[in-house]
C-alpha atoms as a PDB file:
ATOM      1  CA  UNK A   1     -14.670  -5.110 -15.748  1.00  0.00           C
ATOM      2  CA  UNK A   2     -17.578  -5.114 -18.897  1.00  0.00           C
ATOM      3  CA  UNK A   3     -19.811  -7.682 -19.341  1.00  0.00           C
ATOM      4  CA  UNK A   4     -18.597  -8.978 -22.553  1.00  0.00           C
ATOM      5  CA  UNK A   5     -15.323  -9.939 -20.854  1.00  0.00           C
ATOM      6  CA  UNK A   6     -17.020 -11.229 -17.736  1.00  0.00           C
ATOM      7  CA  UNK A   7     -19.134 -13.170 -20.062  1.00  0.00           C
ATOM      8  CA  UNK A   8     -15.547 -14.701 -21.632  1.00  0.00           C
ATOM      9  CA  UNK A   9     -13.564 -15.535 -19.100  1.00  0.00           C
ATOM     10  CA  UNK A  10     -16.892 -17.371 -17.206  1.00  0.00           C
ATOM     11  CA  UNK A  11     -16.538 -19.236 -20.937  1.00  0.00           C
ATOM     12  CA  UNK A  12     -13.063 -19.907 -20.192  1.00  0.00           C
ATOM     13  CA  UNK A  13     -13.139 -21.427 -17.153  1.00  0.00           C
ATOM     14  CA  UNK A  14     -16.268 -23.541 -17.942  1.00  0.00           C
ATOM     15  CA  UNK A  15     -14.128 -25.084 -20.686  1.00  0.00           C
ATOM     16  CA  UNK A  16     -11.199 -25.740 -17.908  1.00  0.00           C
ATOM     17  CA  UNK A  17     -13.498 -27.107 -15.638  1.00  0.00           C
ATOM     18  CA  UNK A  18     -14.798 -29.480 -17.968  1.00  0.00           C
ATOM     19  CA  UNK A  19     -11.244 -30.814 -18.819  1.00  0.00           C
ATOM     20  CA  UNK A  20     -10.442 -31.920 -14.832  1.00  0.00           C
ATOM     21  CA  UNK A  21     -11.032 -34.628 -12.835  1.00  0.00           C
ATOM     22  CA  UNK A  22     -13.756 -34.210 -10.370  1.00  0.00           C
ATOM     23  CA  UNK A  23     -11.452 -33.860  -7.450  1.00  0.00           C
ATOM     24  CA  UNK A  24      -9.288 -30.830  -9.031  1.00  0.00           C
ATOM     25  CA  UNK A  25     -12.645 -28.862 -10.494  1.00  0.00           C
ATOM     26  CA  UNK A  26     -14.186 -28.785  -6.762  1.00  0.00           C
ATOM     27  CA  UNK A  27     -10.228 -27.438  -5.885  1.00  0.00           C
ATOM     28  CA  UNK A  28     -10.150 -24.909  -8.761  1.00  0.00           C
ATOM     29  CA  UNK A  29     -13.833 -23.754  -8.656  1.00  0.00           C
ATOM     30  CA  UNK A  30     -13.328 -23.284  -5.214  1.00  0.00           C
ATOM     31  CA  UNK A  31     -10.278 -21.020  -5.682  1.00  0.00           C
ATOM     32  CA  UNK A  32     -11.733 -19.520  -8.635  1.00  0.00           C
ATOM     33  CA  UNK A  33     -14.492 -18.398  -6.473  1.00  0.00           C
ATOM     34  CA  UNK A  34     -12.274 -16.404  -3.672  1.00  0.00           C
ATOM     35  CA  UNK A  35     -11.462 -14.005  -6.737  1.00  0.00           C
ATOM     36  CA  UNK A  36      -8.220 -11.706  -5.673  1.00  0.00           C
ATOM     37  CA  UNK A  37      -8.264 -12.345  -2.463  1.00  0.00           C
ATOM     38  CA  UNK A  38      -7.776 -16.102  -2.684  1.00  0.00           C
ATOM     39  CA  UNK A  39      -7.556 -18.856   0.283  1.00  0.00           C
ATOM     40  CA  UNK A  40      -5.469 -20.698   2.820  1.00  0.00           C
ATOM     41  CA  UNK A  41      -4.483 -24.266   2.197  1.00  0.00           C
ATOM     42  CA  UNK A  42      -6.379 -24.843   5.299  1.00  0.00           C
ATOM     43  CA  UNK A  43      -9.844 -23.570   4.554  1.00  0.00           C
ATOM     44  CA  UNK A  44      -9.542 -24.562   1.411  1.00  0.00           C
ATOM     45  CA  UNK A  45      -9.289 -28.304   2.541  1.00  0.00           C
ATOM     46  CA  UNK A  46     -12.245 -27.699   5.033  1.00  0.00           C
ATOM     47  CA  UNK A  47     -14.489 -26.653   2.384  1.00  0.00           C
ATOM     48  CA  UNK A  48     -13.825 -29.401  -0.024  1.00  0.00           C
ATOM     49  CA  UNK A  49     -13.544 -32.381   2.483  1.00  0.00           C
ATOM     50  CA  UNK A  50     -11.145 -34.003   0.194  1.00  0.00           C
ATOM     51  CA  UNK A  51      -8.406 -36.798   1.968  1.00  0.00           C
ATOM     52  CA  UNK A  52      -5.087 -34.914   2.595  1.00  0.00           C
ATOM     53  CA  UNK A  53      -2.975 -37.185   0.109  1.00  0.00           C
ATOM     54  CA  UNK A  54      -5.245 -36.950  -2.710  1.00  0.00           C
ATOM     55  CA  UNK A  55      -5.603 -32.945  -1.832  1.00  0.00           C
ATOM     56  CA  UNK A  56      -2.028 -32.168  -2.104  1.00  0.00           C
ATOM     57  CA  UNK A  57      -1.759 -34.050  -5.260  1.00  0.00           C
ATOM     58  CA  UNK A  58      -4.521 -31.854  -7.007  1.00  0.00           C
ATOM     59  CA  UNK A  59      -2.760 -28.657  -5.810  1.00  0.00           C
ATOM     60  CA  UNK A  60       0.387 -29.524  -7.537  1.00  0.00           C
ATOM     61  CA  UNK A  61      -1.760 -30.833 -10.505  1.00  0.00           C
ATOM     62  CA  UNK A  62      -3.304 -27.225 -10.735  1.00  0.00           C
ATOM     63  CA  UNK A  63      -0.243 -25.593 -10.194  1.00  0.00           C
ATOM     64  CA  UNK A  64       1.283 -27.578 -13.081  1.00  0.00           C
ATOM     65  CA  UNK A  65      -1.327 -26.643 -15.047  1.00  0.00           C
ATOM     66  CA  UNK A  66      -1.004 -23.467 -13.996  1.00  0.00           C
ATOM     67  CA  UNK A  67      -4.636 -22.504 -13.383  1.00  0.00           C
ATOM     68  CA  UNK A  68      -3.895 -21.357  -9.686  1.00  0.00           C
ATOM     69  CA  UNK A  69      -1.098 -20.201  -7.983  1.00  0.00           C
ATOM     70  CA  UNK A  70       0.476 -19.088  -4.353  1.00  0.00           C
ATOM     71  CA  UNK A  71       0.475 -15.832  -3.393  1.00  0.00           C
ATOM     72  CA  UNK A  72       2.360 -14.296  -0.648  1.00  0.00           C
ATOM     73  CA  UNK A  73       0.042 -12.477   2.288  1.00  0.00           C
ATOM     74  CA  UNK A  74       1.709 -10.174   4.051  1.00  0.00           C
ATOM     75  CA  UNK A  75      -0.931 -10.408   7.104  1.00  0.00           C
ATOM     76  CA  UNK A  76      -0.219 -14.185   7.545  1.00  0.00           C
ATOM     77  CA  UNK A  77       3.691 -15.236   5.852  1.00  0.00           C
ATOM     78  CA  UNK A  78       3.520 -18.541   7.132  1.00  0.00           C
ATOM     79  CA  UNK A  79       0.241 -19.908   5.664  1.00  0.00           C
ATOM     80  CA  UNK A  80      -0.228 -20.809   2.088  1.00  0.00           C
ATOM     81  CA  UNK A  81      -2.794 -18.565   0.059  1.00  0.00           C
ATOM     82  CA  UNK A  82      -3.567 -20.113  -3.177  1.00  0.00           C
ATOM     83  CA  UNK A  83      -5.612 -17.566  -6.165  1.00  0.00           C
ATOM     84  CA  UNK A  84      -6.609 -18.564  -9.346  1.00  0.00           C
ATOM     85  CA  UNK A  85      -3.898 -17.359 -12.088  1.00  0.00           C
ATOM     86  CA  UNK A  86      -6.138 -15.288 -13.667  1.00  0.00           C
ATOM     87  CA  UNK A  87      -6.498 -12.863 -10.913  1.00  0.00           C
ATOM     88  CA  UNK A  88      -3.844 -10.553  -9.051  1.00  0.00           C
ATOM     89  CA  UNK A  89      -3.919 -10.228  -5.412  1.00  0.00           C
ATOM     90  CA  UNK A  90      -5.870  -7.617  -3.884  1.00  0.00           C
ATOM     91  CA  UNK A  91      -4.087  -5.144  -1.792  1.00  0.00           C
ATOM     92  CA  UNK A  92      -5.679  -6.415   1.157  1.00  0.00           C
ATOM     93  CA  UNK A  93      -3.330  -9.581   0.475  1.00  0.00           C
ATOM     94  CA  UNK A  94      -0.109  -7.587  -1.178  1.00  0.00           C
ATOM     95  CA  UNK A  95      -0.033  -4.895   1.459  1.00  0.00           C
ATOM     96  CA  UNK A  96      -0.641  -2.415  -1.292  1.00  0.00           C
ATOM     97  CA  UNK A  97       2.094  -0.276  -3.325  1.00  0.00           C
ATOM     98  CA  UNK A  98       4.698  -0.109  -0.538  1.00  0.00           C
ATOM     99  CA  UNK A  99       5.262  -4.008  -0.799  1.00  0.00           C
ATOM    100  CA  UNK A 100       6.796  -5.931  -3.399  1.00  0.00           C
ATOM    101  CA  UNK A 101       7.106 -10.089  -3.210  1.00  0.00           C
ATOM    102  CA  UNK A 102       5.568  -9.651   0.491  1.00  0.00           C
ATOM    103  CA  UNK A 103       8.183  -7.015   2.111  1.00  0.00           C
ATOM    104  CA  UNK A 104       8.349  -3.546   2.641  1.00  0.00           C
ATOM    105  CA  UNK A 105      10.061  -1.502  -0.171  1.00  0.00           C
ATOM    106  CA  UNK A 106      12.097   0.189   2.067  1.00  0.00           C
ATOM    107  CA  UNK A 107      14.322   1.520  -1.303  1.00  0.00           C
ATOM    108  CA  UNK A 108      11.686   2.399  -3.086  1.00  0.00           C
ATOM    109  CA  UNK A 109      10.214   4.567  -0.048  1.00  0.00           C
ATOM    110  CA  UNK A 110      13.908   5.895   0.946  1.00  0.00           C
ATOM    111  CA  UNK A 111      14.288   6.891  -2.965  1.00  0.00           C
ATOM    112  CA  UNK A 112      10.375   8.492  -3.075  1.00  0.00           C
ATOM    113  CA  UNK A 113      11.301  10.672   0.459  1.00  0.00           C
ATOM    114  CA  UNK A 114      14.883  11.430  -0.635  1.00  0.00           C
ATOM    115  CA  UNK A 115      13.077  12.785  -4.119  1.00  0.00           C
ATOM    116  CA  UNK A 116      10.882  14.781  -2.414  1.00  0.00           C
ATOM    117  CA  UNK A 117      12.943  16.755  -0.175  1.00  0.00           C
ATOM    118  CA  UNK A 118      15.436  17.480  -2.827  1.00  0.00           C
ATOM    119  CA  UNK A 119      12.477  19.510  -4.752  1.00  0.00           C
ATOM    120  CA  UNK A 120      10.686  20.518  -1.745  1.00  0.00           C
ATOM    121  CA  UNK A 121      14.348  22.320  -0.917  1.00  0.00           C
ATOM    122  CA  UNK A 122      14.555  23.819  -4.301  1.00  0.00           C
ATOM    123  CA  UNK A 123      10.907  25.250  -3.710  1.00  0.00           C
ATOM    124  CA  UNK A 124       9.414  27.601  -1.116  1.00  0.00           C
ATOM    125  CA  UNK A 125       6.430  25.619  -1.039  1.00  0.00           C
ATOM    126  CA  UNK A 126       4.444  23.003  -2.799  1.00  0.00           C
ATOM    127  CA  UNK A 127       1.280  21.316  -3.188  1.00  0.00           C
ATOM    128  CA  UNK A 128       1.303  16.946  -3.640  1.00  0.00           C
ATOM    129  CA  UNK A 129      -0.008  18.159  -7.158  1.00  0.00           C
ATOM    130  CA  UNK A 130       2.938  19.927  -8.253  1.00  0.00           C
ATOM    131  CA  UNK A 131       5.839  16.980  -6.445  1.00  0.00           C
ATOM    132  CA  UNK A 132       3.959  14.539  -8.423  1.00  0.00           C
ATOM    133  CA  UNK A 133       4.029  16.934 -11.706  1.00  0.00           C
ATOM    134  CA  UNK A 134       7.722  16.852 -11.013  1.00  0.00           C
ATOM    135  CA  UNK A 135       7.920  13.093 -10.559  1.00  0.00           C
ATOM    136  CA  UNK A 136       6.387  12.509 -13.723  1.00  0.00           C
ATOM    137  CA  UNK A 137       7.979  14.726 -16.130  1.00  0.00           C
ATOM    138  CA  UNK A 138      11.462  13.508 -14.147  1.00  0.00           C
ATOM    139  CA  UNK A 139      11.073  10.157 -15.226  1.00  0.00           C
ATOM    140  CA  UNK A 140      12.094   8.784 -12.395  1.00  0.00           C
ATOM    141  CA  UNK A 141      10.539   5.622 -11.920  1.00  0.00           C
ATOM    142  CA  UNK A 142       9.107   3.369 -14.321  1.00  0.00           C
ATOM    143  CA  UNK A 143       6.406   2.678 -12.450  1.00  0.00           C
ATOM    144  CA  UNK A 144       3.326   4.529 -11.385  1.00  0.00           C
ATOM    145  CA  UNK A 145       3.458   6.849  -8.445  1.00  0.00           C
ATOM    146  CA  UNK A 146      -0.527   8.028  -7.695  1.00  0.00           C
ATOM    147  CA  UNK A 147      -1.209  11.262  -5.940  1.00  0.00           C
ATOM    148  CA  UNK A 148      -1.889   8.936  -2.353  1.00  0.00           C
ATOM    149  CA  UNK A 149       1.271   7.295  -2.713  1.00  0.00           C
ATOM    150  CA  UNK A 150       2.536  10.709  -3.133  1.00  0.00           C
ATOM    151  CA  UNK A 151       0.331  11.762   0.051  1.00  0.00           C
ATOM    152  CA  UNK A 152       1.559   9.064   2.435  1.00  0.00           C
ATOM    153  CA  UNK A 153       5.456   9.977   1.805  1.00  0.00           C
ATOM    154  CA  UNK A 154       5.056  13.826   2.424  1.00  0.00           C
ATOM    155  CA  UNK A 155       2.933  12.478   5.880  1.00  0.00           C
ATOM    156  CA  UNK A 156       5.947  10.511   6.964  1.00  0.00           C
ATOM    157  CA  UNK A 157       7.957  13.258   6.261  1.00  0.00           C
ATOM    158  CA  UNK A 158       6.028  15.621   8.484  1.00  0.00           C
ATOM    159  CA  UNK A 159       6.145  12.614  11.222  1.00  0.00           C
ATOM    160  CA  UNK A 160       9.927  12.777  10.221  1.00  0.00           C
ATOM    161  CA  UNK A 161       9.925  16.252  11.472  1.00  0.00           C
ATOM    162  CA  UNK A 162      11.915  17.177   7.998  1.00  0.00           C
ATOM    163  CA  UNK A 163       8.514  18.706   6.967  1.00  0.00           C
ATOM    164  CA  UNK A 164       5.977  21.186   7.688  1.00  0.00           C
ATOM    165  CA  UNK A 165       2.360  20.882   6.569  1.00  0.00           C
ATOM    166  CA  UNK A 166       1.050  24.326   6.043  1.00  0.00           C
ATOM    167  CA  UNK A 167      -2.363  25.988   4.171  1.00  0.00           C
ATOM    168  CA  UNK A 168      -1.691  28.466   1.607  1.00  0.00           C
ATOM    169  CA  UNK A 169      -2.571  32.101   2.186  1.00  0.00           C
ATOM    170  CA  UNK A 170      -2.395  32.427  -1.263  1.00  0.00           C
ATOM    171  CA  UNK A 171       0.788  35.475  -0.678  1.00  0.00           C
ATOM    172  CA  UNK A 172       4.291  35.864  -0.638  1.00  0.00           C
ATOM    173  CA  UNK A 173       5.539  32.135  -0.691  1.00  0.00           C
ATOM    174  CA  UNK A 174       2.510  30.709  -1.691  1.00  0.00           C
ATOM    175  CA  UNK A 175       1.359  32.983  -4.541  1.00  0.00           C
ATOM    176  CA  UNK A 176       1.621  30.012  -6.921  1.00  0.00           C
ATOM    177  CA  UNK A 177      -0.976  28.133  -4.577  1.00  0.00           C
ATOM    178  CA  UNK A 178      -5.139  28.868  -4.110  1.00  0.00           C
ATOM    179  CA  UNK A 179      -5.012  30.407  -0.669  1.00  0.00           C
ATOM    180  CA  UNK A 180      -6.573  27.087   1.618  1.00  0.00           C
ATOM    181  CA  UNK A 181      -4.863  24.636  -0.129  1.00  0.00           C
ATOM    182  CA  UNK A 182      -2.580  22.225   1.710  1.00  0.00           C
ATOM    183  CA  UNK A 183       1.154  22.652   1.016  1.00  0.00           C
ATOM    184  CA  UNK A 184       4.401  21.032   1.683  1.00  0.00           C
ATOM    185  CA  UNK A 185       7.830  23.320   2.805  1.00  0.00           C
ATOM    186  CA  UNK A 186      10.958  22.034   4.761  1.00  0.00           C
ATOM    187  CA  UNK A 187      11.392  22.872   8.017  1.00  0.00           C
ATOM    188  CA  UNK A 188      13.782  26.037   7.970  1.00  0.00           C
ATOM    189  CA  UNK A 189      16.614  25.881  10.122  1.00  0.00           C
ATOM    190  CA  UNK A 190      18.571  29.028  12.495  1.00  0.00           C
ATOM    191  CA  UNK A 191      22.065  28.374  12.350  1.00  0.00           C
ATOM    192  CA  UNK A 192      22.697  24.854  11.469  1.00  0.00           C
ATOM    193  CA  UNK A 193      19.482  24.457  14.349  1.00  0.00           C
ATOM    194  CA  UNK A 194      15.810  23.366  13.438  1.00  0.00           C
ATOM    195  CA  UNK A 195      13.866  26.700  14.375  1.00  0.00           C
ATOM    196  CA  UNK A 196      12.202  26.760  17.582  1.00  0.00           C
ATOM    197  CA  UNK A 197       8.479  25.046  17.253  1.00  0.00           C
ATOM    198  CA  UNK A 198       5.177  26.948  18.295  1.00  0.00           C
ATOM    199  CA  UNK A 199       2.064  25.425  19.538  1.00  0.00           C
ATOM    200  CA  UNK A 200       3.460  22.003  19.936  1.00  0.00           C
ATOM    201  CA  UNK A 201      -0.368  21.392  20.471  1.00  0.00           C
ATOM    202  CA  UNK A 202      -1.139  22.542  17.109  1.00  0.00           C
ATOM    203  CA  UNK A 203       1.571  20.086  15.937  1.00  0.00           C
ATOM    204  CA  UNK A 204       0.200  16.965  17.356  1.00  0.00           C
ATOM    205  CA  UNK A 205       1.451  14.134  15.228  1.00  0.00           C
ATOM    206  CA  UNK A 206      -1.602  12.144  15.272  1.00  0.00           C
ATOM    207  CA  UNK A 207      -3.384  14.712  12.718  1.00  0.00           C
ATOM    208  CA  UNK A 208      -1.273  14.010  10.174  1.00  0.00           C
ATOM    209  CA  UNK A 209      -0.589   9.871  10.718  1.00  0.00           C
ATOM    210  CA  UNK A 210      -1.651   8.058   7.872  1.00  0.00           C
ATOM    211  CA  UNK A 211      -2.268   4.726  10.202  1.00  0.00           C
ATOM    212  CA  UNK A 212      -4.557   6.846  12.864  1.00  0.00           C
ATOM    213  CA  UNK A 213      -7.950   4.956  11.383  1.00  0.00           C
ATOM    214  CA  UNK A 214      -6.003   1.921  12.816  1.00  0.00           C
ATOM    215  CA  UNK A 215      -4.830   3.674  16.416  1.00  0.00           C
ATOM    216  CA  UNK A 216      -6.304   2.057  19.456  1.00  0.00           C
ATOM    217  CA  UNK A 217      -5.151   2.192  23.097  1.00  0.00           C
ATOM    218  CA  UNK A 218      -3.846  -1.624  22.793  1.00  0.00           C
ATOM    219  CA  UNK A 219      -3.648  -2.065  19.828  1.00  0.00           C
ATOM    220  CA  UNK A 220      -0.738  -3.388  16.946  1.00  0.00           C
ATOM    221  CA  UNK A 221      -0.458   0.847  16.350  1.00  0.00           C
ATOM    222  CA  UNK A 222      -1.474   2.930  19.545  1.00  0.00           C
ATOM    223  CA  UNK A 223       0.072   5.624  21.106  1.00  0.00           C
ATOM    224  CA  UNK A 224       2.118   3.617  23.569  1.00  0.00           C
ATOM    225  CA  UNK A 225       4.479   2.111  21.351  1.00  0.00           C
ATOM    226  CA  UNK A 226       4.169   5.138  18.781  1.00  0.00           C
ATOM    227  CA  UNK A 227       8.020   6.541  18.437  1.00  0.00           C
ATOM    228  CA  UNK A 228       6.426   9.667  16.611  1.00  0.00           C
ATOM    229  CA  UNK A 229       4.169  10.601  19.931  1.00  0.00           C
ATOM    230  CA  UNK A 230       7.035  10.164  21.851  1.00  0.00           C
ATOM    231  CA  UNK A 231       8.921  12.293  20.094  1.00  0.00           C
ATOM    232  CA  UNK A 232       6.212  15.001  20.135  1.00  0.00           C
ATOM    233  CA  UNK A 233       6.436  14.672  24.002  1.00  0.00           C
ATOM    234  CA  UNK A 234       9.970  15.553  24.559  1.00  0.00           C
ATOM    235  CA  UNK A 235       9.297  18.765  23.002  1.00  0.00           C
END
């Protein structure tokens, strides 16, 4: 954000603040100071030390004046999170591109997976950029799909054992891809049965898991409850 826009927002906030009662001003300024992270109503009440009955009226008044809004935090859905209306929730709050209104957008994810599989089945190999270019040219989505979004989808397909992640050799099927570039290809089938997996250690799912940074022995994401890890152990 450039300096001019920041000053303009500060001037607008100051003008709004001057039109509020003392309690409204305290609550509004506290909420606004949290920017795109918002603040839990319980924490807000403790910070402002405003009596319960007045606190609730102030929140209703600020919402009615469209100065604040409630947002859903996917990590704490039972908590009321308030944010100044001028800000958009951060990805930590919304859950990122895969969430819509606080819920995992399963339909969008499945559509991306199916279209990716369809494209890969028509191509011998493809990079993330190649698949993304196809999506953009096809006009299949009205929302923007980023390179990172698509890479996460392709890695999920690898974990689903539908796609292989390989590196280009620059020859044969890889002639159109620079050597060393990461590519994806549909797992081939022989006689209707998936080809025998060679080198199970080389295909351990942890290497392509998009949640590997959150994986700990006793954490929410761990080898103990990982369905992909269980599949790999069955090899």
